[in-house]
Amino acid sequence: MIHIGEKTTKITSATVQKTSRHYVVRYKLSDGTTKTLSMLR
């Protein structure tokens, strides 16, 4: 489980993109904000 921020928001949608070196996750929160998370593969 990942804690994202201090507000009590939920992830409402998410997409995952693979690049040669990373996974890029874009997710939308219930408060309307969109975030991006990049992780090495």
N, C-alpha and C. Protein backbone atom coordinates (compact mmCIF):
# COMPACT_ATOMS: atom_id res chain seq x y z
N MET A 1 0.85 -1.18 0.00
CA MET A 1 0.00 0.00 0.00
C MET A 1 0.89 1.24 0.00
N ILE A 2 0.49 2.23 -0.77
CA ILE A 2 1.24 3.49 -0.87
C ILE A 2 0.38 4.60 -0.29
N HIS A 3 0.95 5.37 0.63
CA HIS A 3 0.26 6.54 1.17
C HIS A 3 0.65 7.73 0.32
N ILE A 4 -0.32 8.39 -0.29
CA ILE A 4 -0.06 9.50 -1.21
C ILE A 4 -0.65 10.77 -0.62
N GLY A 5 0.18 11.58 0.01
CA GLY A 5 -0.27 12.86 0.51
C GLY A 5 -0.95 12.77 1.86
N GLU A 6 -1.40 13.93 2.34
CA GLU A 6 -2.01 13.99 3.67
C GLU A 6 -3.53 13.96 3.64
N LYS A 7 -4.13 14.18 2.47
CA LYS A 7 -5.58 14.20 2.38
C LYS A 7 -6.13 12.78 2.26
N THR A 8 -7.38 12.63 2.62
CA THR A 8 -8.02 11.32 2.46
C THR A 8 -8.66 11.25 1.08
N THR A 9 -7.82 11.00 0.08
CA THR A 9 -8.31 10.89 -1.30
C THR A 9 -8.11 9.46 -1.77
N LYS A 10 -8.87 9.10 -2.79
CA LYS A 10 -8.76 7.77 -3.37
C LYS A 10 -8.32 7.91 -4.82
N ILE A 11 -7.62 6.91 -5.33
CA ILE A 11 -7.27 6.88 -6.75
C ILE A 11 -8.51 6.45 -7.52
N THR A 12 -8.94 7.30 -8.47
CA THR A 12 -10.15 6.99 -9.23
C THR A 12 -9.84 6.35 -10.57
N SER A 13 -8.65 6.62 -11.14
CA SER A 13 -8.24 5.97 -12.38
C SER A 13 -6.72 6.03 -12.48
N ALA A 14 -6.16 5.09 -13.23
CA ALA A 14 -4.71 5.04 -13.38
C ALA A 14 -4.35 4.39 -14.70
N THR A 15 -3.24 4.85 -15.28
CA THR A 15 -2.69 4.22 -16.48
C THR A 15 -1.22 3.94 -16.24
N VAL A 16 -0.71 2.88 -16.85
CA VAL A 16 0.69 2.51 -16.72
C VAL A 16 1.30 2.48 -18.11
N GLN A 17 2.42 3.17 -18.28
CA GLN A 17 3.16 3.16 -19.52
C GLN A 17 4.52 2.55 -19.26
N LYS A 18 5.01 1.69 -20.16
CA LYS A 18 6.34 1.11 -20.01
C LYS A 18 7.28 1.79 -20.98
N THR A 19 8.43 2.21 -20.49
CA THR A 19 9.49 2.66 -21.38
C THR A 19 10.62 1.65 -21.24
N SER A 20 11.73 1.88 -21.92
CA SER A 20 12.83 0.92 -21.86
C SER A 20 13.44 0.84 -20.46
N ARG A 21 13.32 1.90 -19.67
CA ARG A 21 13.93 1.90 -18.34
C ARG A 21 12.96 2.12 -17.19
N HIS A 22 11.75 2.58 -17.47
CA HIS A 22 10.83 2.99 -16.41
C HIS A 22 9.42 2.44 -16.60
N TYR A 23 8.68 2.41 -15.51
CA TYR A 23 7.23 2.33 -15.53
C TYR A 23 6.75 3.72 -15.15
N VAL A 24 5.84 4.28 -15.94
CA VAL A 24 5.30 5.60 -15.65
C VAL A 24 3.82 5.41 -15.34
N VAL A 25 3.43 5.74 -14.12
CA VAL A 25 2.04 5.59 -13.67
C VAL A 25 1.44 6.99 -13.56
N ARG A 26 0.35 7.22 -14.27
CA ARG A 26 -0.40 8.47 -14.14
C ARG A 26 -1.72 8.11 -13.48
N TYR A 27 -2.05 8.82 -12.42
CA TYR A 27 -3.27 8.49 -11.70
C TYR A 27 -4.02 9.76 -11.34
N LYS A 28 -5.34 9.61 -11.28
CA LYS A 28 -6.22 10.72 -10.93
C LYS A 28 -6.81 10.44 -9.57
N LEU A 29 -6.85 11.49 -8.73
CA LEU A 29 -7.38 11.35 -7.38
C LEU A 29 -8.81 11.86 -7.30
N SER A 30 -9.50 11.43 -6.25
CA SER A 30 -10.91 11.80 -6.09
C SER A 30 -11.12 13.30 -5.90
N ASP A 31 -10.06 14.04 -5.56
CA ASP A 31 -10.21 15.50 -5.44
C ASP A 31 -9.95 16.21 -6.77
N GLY A 32 -9.73 15.44 -7.85
CA GLY A 32 -9.57 16.02 -9.19
C GLY A 32 -8.13 16.22 -9.63
N THR A 33 -7.16 16.06 -8.73
CA THR A 33 -5.77 16.26 -9.12
C THR A 33 -5.23 15.03 -9.85
N THR A 34 -4.26 15.26 -10.72
CA THR A 34 -3.59 14.19 -11.45
C THR A 34 -2.13 14.18 -11.06
N LYS A 35 -1.60 13.00 -10.84
CA LYS A 35 -0.20 12.84 -10.41
C LYS A 35 0.50 11.87 -11.35
N THR A 36 1.83 11.93 -11.35
CA THR A 36 2.64 11.00 -12.13
C THR A 36 3.71 10.40 -11.22
N LEU A 37 3.90 9.10 -11.36
CA LEU A 37 4.89 8.38 -10.57
C LEU A 37 5.75 7.58 -11.54
N SER A 38 7.07 7.74 -11.47
CA SER A 38 7.98 7.03 -12.35
C SER A 38 8.85 6.10 -11.52
N MET A 39 8.93 4.84 -11.95
CA MET A 39 9.72 3.83 -11.23
C MET A 39 10.64 3.13 -12.21
N LEU A 40 11.87 2.86 -11.77
CA LEU A 40 12.77 2.08 -12.61
C LEU A 40 12.26 0.67 -12.77
N ARG A 41 12.51 0.08 -13.93
CA ARG A 41 12.09 -1.30 -14.17
C ARG A 41 13.08 -2.26 -13.57
